[in-house]
């Protein structure tokens, strides 16, 4: 569960003394290149202490890291599960599209329920955080994407640290950040096919167990409703403009090759459209969604 937005500390909107040093430190890490946040992991089922320590140092700056592994002979499922366990993702979300082990095969679906959902098509996916429609007791705090094979064309991922999005919005006007912290800021409608109730909550909140910022967001406009409040609507529009800035130095873009992926504390992300060719390349990405944040090395 998530606490009310704090009145003290880095995220307290009326307290600049704690916010400024945190803000300045976060901004100082940018601009970054993809190589700055890549970790080479020789054995994804058992990363070394050095590999884990490097990954955690990157996470402390950006809330995610990219990785590559030469172990292409291992099944994608084995790689994804190994990395999930190694970085503390022990409580995987058993969503309707997941397999029994909690992993989901994200590829173009041809039958069943999957083709009804955009991630299982070749269409682009807008900015979002995972599980934005989940109830509070099933909040997604971290996820992993592992590329087993990529499309012939397209399928580039883009990622952004939610803490940066919060800072950029707050720098424009603290009232905008406050508006998206309202407990009724964004509502996701019910999904009868999945027996999912409507979910209303804030965009920005503070994760009670860790004290870290949590973001719940989707750039979708269909079906998503915002609180009927002028400042909330203005805040949602301002956030959308921040995320759509094609020249932003805070967005990392990468088309994952086989054996590459991302581990993160549920950062903002999306994907461009792509083209599969059965005889040349079919995009398959393994996804693990977790109720846990990335854990420090043992």
Protein backbone atom coordinates (compact mmCIF):
# COMPACT_ATOMS: atom_id res chain seq x y z
CA UNK A 1 0.00 0.00 0.00
CA UNK A 2 1.08 3.57 -0.50
CA UNK A 3 1.28 6.35 2.04
CA UNK A 4 -0.25 9.78 1.64
CA UNK A 5 2.09 12.22 -0.05
CA UNK A 6 4.62 13.36 2.57
CA UNK A 7 4.82 16.72 4.26
CA UNK A 8 8.55 16.33 4.91
CA UNK A 9 11.49 15.13 2.85
CA UNK A 10 12.46 15.23 -0.84
CA UNK A 11 8.91 14.82 -2.13
CA UNK A 12 7.25 17.36 0.16
CA UNK A 13 5.99 20.05 -2.18
CA UNK A 14 6.28 22.81 0.40
CA UNK A 15 9.80 21.90 1.52
CA UNK A 16 12.56 23.04 -0.80
CA UNK A 17 15.46 22.37 1.58
CA UNK A 18 15.26 18.58 1.18
CA UNK A 19 14.05 18.64 -2.42
CA UNK A 20 16.81 20.75 -3.95
CA UNK A 21 19.84 18.54 -3.09
CA UNK A 22 17.95 15.44 -4.27
CA UNK A 23 16.83 17.20 -7.45
CA UNK A 24 20.31 18.53 -8.22
CA UNK A 25 21.89 15.09 -7.73
CA UNK A 26 19.36 13.38 -10.03
CA UNK A 27 19.79 15.97 -12.78
CA UNK A 28 23.58 15.81 -12.50
CA UNK A 29 23.59 12.24 -13.83
CA UNK A 30 22.38 13.42 -17.25
CA UNK A 31 22.93 13.38 -20.12
CA UNK A 32 23.69 9.66 -20.24
CA UNK A 33 24.47 7.33 -23.11
CA UNK A 34 23.21 3.80 -23.47
CA UNK A 35 26.68 2.44 -22.81
CA UNK A 36 26.71 4.30 -19.47
CA UNK A 37 23.87 2.09 -18.24
CA UNK A 38 24.71 -1.24 -19.93
CA UNK A 39 25.92 -4.12 -17.78
CA UNK A 40 27.54 -7.17 -19.38
CA UNK A 41 26.37 -10.29 -17.53
CA UNK A 42 28.21 -13.48 -18.41
CA UNK A 43 25.81 -15.91 -16.70
CA UNK A 44 22.30 -14.45 -16.33
CA UNK A 45 21.25 -17.29 -14.05
CA UNK A 46 23.96 -16.32 -11.55
CA UNK A 47 25.38 -12.81 -11.99
CA UNK A 48 28.65 -12.17 -10.21
CA UNK A 49 28.94 -9.81 -7.28
CA UNK A 50 30.81 -7.36 -9.49
CA UNK A 51 28.07 -7.43 -12.13
CA UNK A 52 25.34 -6.97 -9.53
CA UNK A 53 27.19 -4.14 -7.81
CA UNK A 54 27.64 -2.29 -11.12
CA UNK A 55 23.95 -2.75 -11.92
CA UNK A 56 22.88 -1.40 -8.53
CA UNK A 57 25.10 1.66 -8.90
CA UNK A 58 23.30 2.46 -12.16
CA UNK A 59 19.88 1.82 -10.62
CA UNK A 60 20.59 4.31 -7.85
CA UNK A 61 21.04 6.97 -10.53
CA UNK A 62 18.36 6.07 -13.08
CA UNK A 63 16.04 3.40 -11.55
CA UNK A 64 16.89 1.00 -14.41
CA UNK A 65 19.80 -0.65 -16.16
CA UNK A 66 20.24 -2.31 -19.52
CA UNK A 67 22.09 -5.58 -19.83
CA UNK A 68 23.54 -7.88 -22.44
CA UNK A 69 24.48 -11.51 -22.08
CA UNK A 70 26.34 -13.82 -24.46
CA UNK A 71 24.46 -16.85 -23.14
CA UNK A 72 22.21 -17.11 -26.19
CA UNK A 73 22.15 -20.89 -25.91
CA UNK A 74 19.99 -20.58 -22.78
CA UNK A 75 16.20 -20.46 -23.25
CA UNK A 76 14.77 -16.96 -22.86
CA UNK A 77 12.56 -18.14 -20.02
CA UNK A 78 15.58 -19.36 -18.06
CA UNK A 79 17.44 -16.09 -18.57
CA UNK A 80 14.46 -13.98 -17.49
CA UNK A 81 13.78 -16.04 -14.38
CA UNK A 82 17.45 -16.07 -13.42
CA UNK A 83 17.77 -12.31 -13.65
CA UNK A 84 14.46 -11.74 -11.88
CA UNK A 85 15.61 -13.80 -8.91
CA UNK A 86 19.11 -12.30 -8.91
CA UNK A 87 17.74 -8.76 -8.61
CA UNK A 88 15.05 -9.40 -6.04
CA UNK A 89 11.92 -9.91 -8.13
CA UNK A 90 10.55 -12.76 -6.02
CA UNK A 91 6.84 -11.88 -6.04
CA UNK A 92 5.84 -11.99 -9.70
CA UNK A 93 2.43 -10.76 -10.79
CA UNK A 94 0.27 -13.65 -11.98
CA UNK A 95 -1.65 -11.58 -14.53
CA UNK A 96 -4.05 -13.30 -16.97
CA UNK A 97 -1.46 -13.31 -19.76
CA UNK A 98 1.34 -14.78 -17.64
CA UNK A 99 2.46 -18.40 -17.58
CA UNK A 100 2.45 -20.46 -14.38
CA UNK A 101 5.91 -19.20 -13.41
CA UNK A 102 4.79 -15.57 -13.65
CA UNK A 103 6.56 -14.80 -16.93
CA UNK A 104 4.72 -13.45 -19.96
CA UNK A 105 5.70 -14.07 -23.57
CA UNK A 106 5.20 -10.74 -25.31
CA UNK A 107 4.81 -11.41 -29.01
CA UNK A 108 2.20 -10.89 -31.69
CA UNK A 109 -0.76 -13.02 -30.66
CA UNK A 110 -2.78 -14.90 -33.21
CA UNK A 111 -5.45 -16.54 -31.06
CA UNK A 112 -7.20 -16.25 -27.71
CA UNK A 113 -7.39 -13.02 -25.71
CA UNK A 114 -3.93 -11.65 -26.49
CA UNK A 115 -4.69 -10.02 -29.88
CA UNK A 116 -7.16 -7.71 -28.09
CA UNK A 117 -4.31 -6.07 -26.18
CA UNK A 118 -1.78 -3.73 -27.83
CA UNK A 119 1.40 -5.32 -26.32
CA UNK A 120 0.54 -8.51 -28.22
CA UNK A 121 0.29 -6.73 -31.57
CA UNK A 122 2.89 -5.04 -33.75
CA UNK A 123 1.43 -1.61 -33.04
CA UNK A 124 3.31 1.11 -31.11
CA UNK A 125 2.78 1.36 -27.34
CA UNK A 126 2.54 4.80 -25.77
CA UNK A 127 4.25 5.93 -22.57
CA UNK A 128 3.09 4.04 -19.48
CA UNK A 129 4.18 2.29 -16.32
CA UNK A 130 3.30 -1.38 -15.93
CA UNK A 131 0.19 -2.39 -14.01
CA UNK A 132 -1.31 1.10 -13.91
CA UNK A 133 -4.70 -0.63 -13.78
CA UNK A 134 -3.82 -2.89 -10.84
CA UNK A 135 -5.37 -2.52 -7.40
CA UNK A 136 -3.04 -1.11 -4.69
CA UNK A 137 -2.32 -4.54 -3.21
CA UNK A 138 -1.00 -5.62 -6.63
CA UNK A 139 1.08 -2.55 -7.45
CA UNK A 140 3.93 -3.30 -9.83
CA UNK A 141 7.16 -1.97 -8.35
CA UNK A 142 9.59 -3.52 -10.81
CA UNK A 143 9.74 -5.34 -14.12
CA UNK A 144 12.15 -7.05 -16.48
CA UNK A 145 12.09 -7.33 -20.27
CA UNK A 146 14.34 -9.88 -21.97
CA UNK A 147 14.66 -10.04 -25.74
CA UNK A 148 14.94 -13.55 -27.14
CA UNK A 149 14.45 -12.49 -30.77
CA UNK A 150 13.67 -9.23 -32.48
CA UNK A 151 11.54 -8.13 -35.38
CA UNK A 152 12.87 -7.56 -38.87
CA UNK A 153 12.11 -3.85 -38.50
CA UNK A 154 11.20 -1.58 -35.58
CA UNK A 155 10.33 -2.49 -32.02
CA UNK A 156 12.55 0.13 -30.41
CA UNK A 157 11.97 0.65 -26.68
CA UNK A 158 12.12 4.03 -24.95
CA UNK A 159 12.54 4.53 -21.21
CA UNK A 160 12.55 7.35 -18.67
CA UNK A 161 13.06 7.49 -14.92
CA UNK A 162 9.75 8.54 -13.24
CA UNK A 163 11.72 10.62 -10.76
CA UNK A 164 12.94 12.76 -13.67
CA UNK A 165 9.37 13.16 -14.95
CA UNK A 166 8.33 14.28 -11.47
CA UNK A 167 11.19 16.78 -11.27
CA UNK A 168 10.48 18.26 -14.70
CA UNK A 169 6.80 18.66 -13.86
CA UNK A 170 7.51 20.12 -10.44
CA UNK A 171 10.03 22.55 -11.94
CA UNK A 172 7.33 23.87 -14.24
CA UNK A 173 4.92 24.39 -11.38
CA UNK A 174 4.73 22.58 -8.02
CA UNK A 175 0.92 22.79 -8.26
CA UNK A 176 1.05 20.44 -11.25
CA UNK A 177 2.97 17.80 -9.30
CA UNK A 178 0.55 18.27 -6.41
CA UNK A 179 -2.43 17.78 -8.72
CA UNK A 180 -1.15 14.43 -9.99
CA UNK A 181 -0.62 13.34 -6.39
CA UNK A 182 -4.37 13.64 -5.74
CA UNK A 183 -5.79 10.25 -4.64
CA UNK A 184 -8.43 10.44 -7.39
CA UNK A 185 -6.29 11.92 -10.17
CA UNK A 186 -6.61 9.06 -12.68
CA UNK A 187 -9.25 6.36 -13.11
CA UNK A 188 -8.91 3.21 -15.20
CA UNK A 189 -12.28 1.64 -16.03
CA UNK A 190 -13.35 -1.87 -15.17
CA UNK A 191 -12.43 -4.76 -17.45
CA UNK A 192 -15.22 -7.31 -17.31
CA UNK A 193 -13.29 -9.88 -19.35
CA UNK A 194 -10.61 -9.98 -16.67
CA UNK A 195 -13.05 -9.41 -13.78
CA UNK A 196 -11.10 -6.27 -12.97
CA UNK A 197 -12.80 -3.50 -11.00
CA UNK A 198 -12.31 0.20 -11.78
CA UNK A 199 -9.05 1.54 -10.34
CA UNK A 200 -8.76 5.13 -9.13
CA UNK A 201 -5.60 6.57 -7.67
CA UNK A 202 -2.78 9.11 -7.94
CA UNK A 203 -0.14 9.33 -10.63
CA UNK A 204 2.59 10.13 -8.10
CA UNK A 205 2.66 8.48 -4.70
CA UNK A 206 5.24 7.29 -2.20
CA UNK A 207 5.86 3.60 -1.72
CA UNK A 208 5.44 3.04 2.01
CA UNK A 209 7.89 0.11 2.39
CA UNK A 210 10.76 1.85 0.59
CA UNK A 211 9.91 5.54 0.91
CA UNK A 212 10.62 5.93 -2.81
CA UNK A 213 8.57 7.70 -5.44
CA UNK A 214 6.09 5.52 -7.33
CA UNK A 215 4.42 6.47 -10.59
CA UNK A 216 1.20 5.08 -12.05
CA UNK A 217 0.56 6.40 -15.55
CA UNK A 218 -0.60 5.78 -19.08
CA UNK A 219 -0.64 8.14 -22.04
CA UNK A 220 -3.71 6.40 -23.40
CA UNK A 221 -6.68 8.68 -23.85
CA UNK A 222 -9.37 6.14 -24.64
CA UNK A 223 -11.21 4.93 -21.54
CA UNK A 224 -8.81 6.67 -19.13
CA UNK A 225 -10.52 9.46 -17.17
CA UNK A 226 -8.92 12.27 -15.24
CA UNK A 227 -10.37 13.98 -12.19
CA UNK A 228 -12.74 16.75 -13.26
CA UNK A 229 -10.43 19.50 -12.11
CA UNK A 230 -8.74 22.19 -14.19
CA UNK A 231 -5.34 21.83 -12.52
CA UNK A 232 -5.36 18.03 -12.84
CA UNK A 233 -6.18 18.31 -16.55
CA UNK A 234 -3.44 20.91 -17.02
CA UNK A 235 -0.97 18.67 -15.17
CA UNK A 236 -1.83 15.67 -17.35
CA UNK A 237 -1.29 17.77 -20.47
CA UNK A 238 2.00 19.18 -19.17
CA UNK A 239 3.26 15.69 -18.36
CA UNK A 240 2.31 14.47 -21.83
CA UNK A 241 4.31 17.32 -23.38
CA UNK A 242 7.33 16.45 -21.24
CA UNK A 243 7.22 12.84 -22.38
CA UNK A 244 6.65 13.72 -26.03
CA UNK A 245 9.73 15.94 -26.23
CA UNK A 246 11.71 14.24 -28.99
CA UNK A 247 14.87 16.13 -27.99
CA UNK A 248 14.73 15.21 -24.32
CA UNK A 249 18.14 14.24 -22.90
CA UNK A 250 16.35 12.15 -20.25
CA UNK A 251 14.92 9.51 -22.58
CA UNK A 252 16.90 6.37 -23.42
CA UNK A 253 16.02 4.67 -26.69
CA UNK A 254 17.23 1.23 -27.68
CA UNK A 255 16.23 -1.58 -30.02
CA UNK A 256 17.09 -4.65 -28.01
CA UNK A 257 19.10 -7.35 -29.71
CA UNK A 258 18.71 -11.01 -28.73
CA UNK A 259 20.26 -11.50 -25.29
CA UNK A 260 19.64 -7.91 -24.20
CA UNK A 261 17.05 -6.42 -21.89
CA UNK A 262 16.17 -4.05 -19.07
CA UNK A 263 15.65 -4.46 -15.32
CA UNK A 264 13.93 -1.56 -13.59
CA UNK A 265 11.86 -0.09 -10.78
CA UNK A 266 8.79 0.20 -13.05
CA UNK A 267 10.03 3.12 -15.08
CA UNK A 268 8.10 4.94 -17.79
CA UNK A 269 8.47 3.14 -21.09
CA UNK A 270 6.96 2.45 -24.48
CA UNK A 271 7.71 0.82 -27.82
CA UNK A 272 7.61 1.74 -31.47
CA UNK A 273 5.67 -0.37 -33.96
CA UNK A 274 7.47 -3.20 -35.71
CA UNK A 275 7.27 -5.72 -38.54
CA UNK A 276 7.65 -9.45 -38.11
CA UNK A 277 8.59 -11.77 -40.94
CA UNK A 278 8.01 -15.47 -40.14
CA UNK A 279 11.05 -16.63 -42.11
CA UNK A 280 13.37 -13.77 -41.13
CA UNK A 281 12.49 -12.65 -37.62
CA UNK A 282 9.68 -12.71 -35.07
CA UNK A 283 9.85 -10.46 -32.03
CA UNK A 284 9.69 -12.34 -28.71
CA UNK A 285 10.26 -10.59 -25.40
CA UNK A 286 9.94 -12.23 -21.98
CA UNK A 287 8.41 -10.04 -19.29
CA UNK A 288 8.44 -10.42 -15.50
CA UNK A 289 6.35 -8.01 -13.45
CA UNK A 290 7.08 -7.86 -9.74
CA UNK A 291 5.56 -6.48 -6.56
CA UNK A 292 9.17 -5.93 -5.42
CA UNK A 293 11.64 -3.20 -6.24
CA UNK A 294 15.15 -4.13 -7.35
CA UNK A 295 17.05 -5.52 -4.38
CA UNK A 296 20.62 -4.75 -3.39
CA UNK A 297 23.26 -7.43 -3.88
CA UNK A 298 23.38 -10.09 -1.19
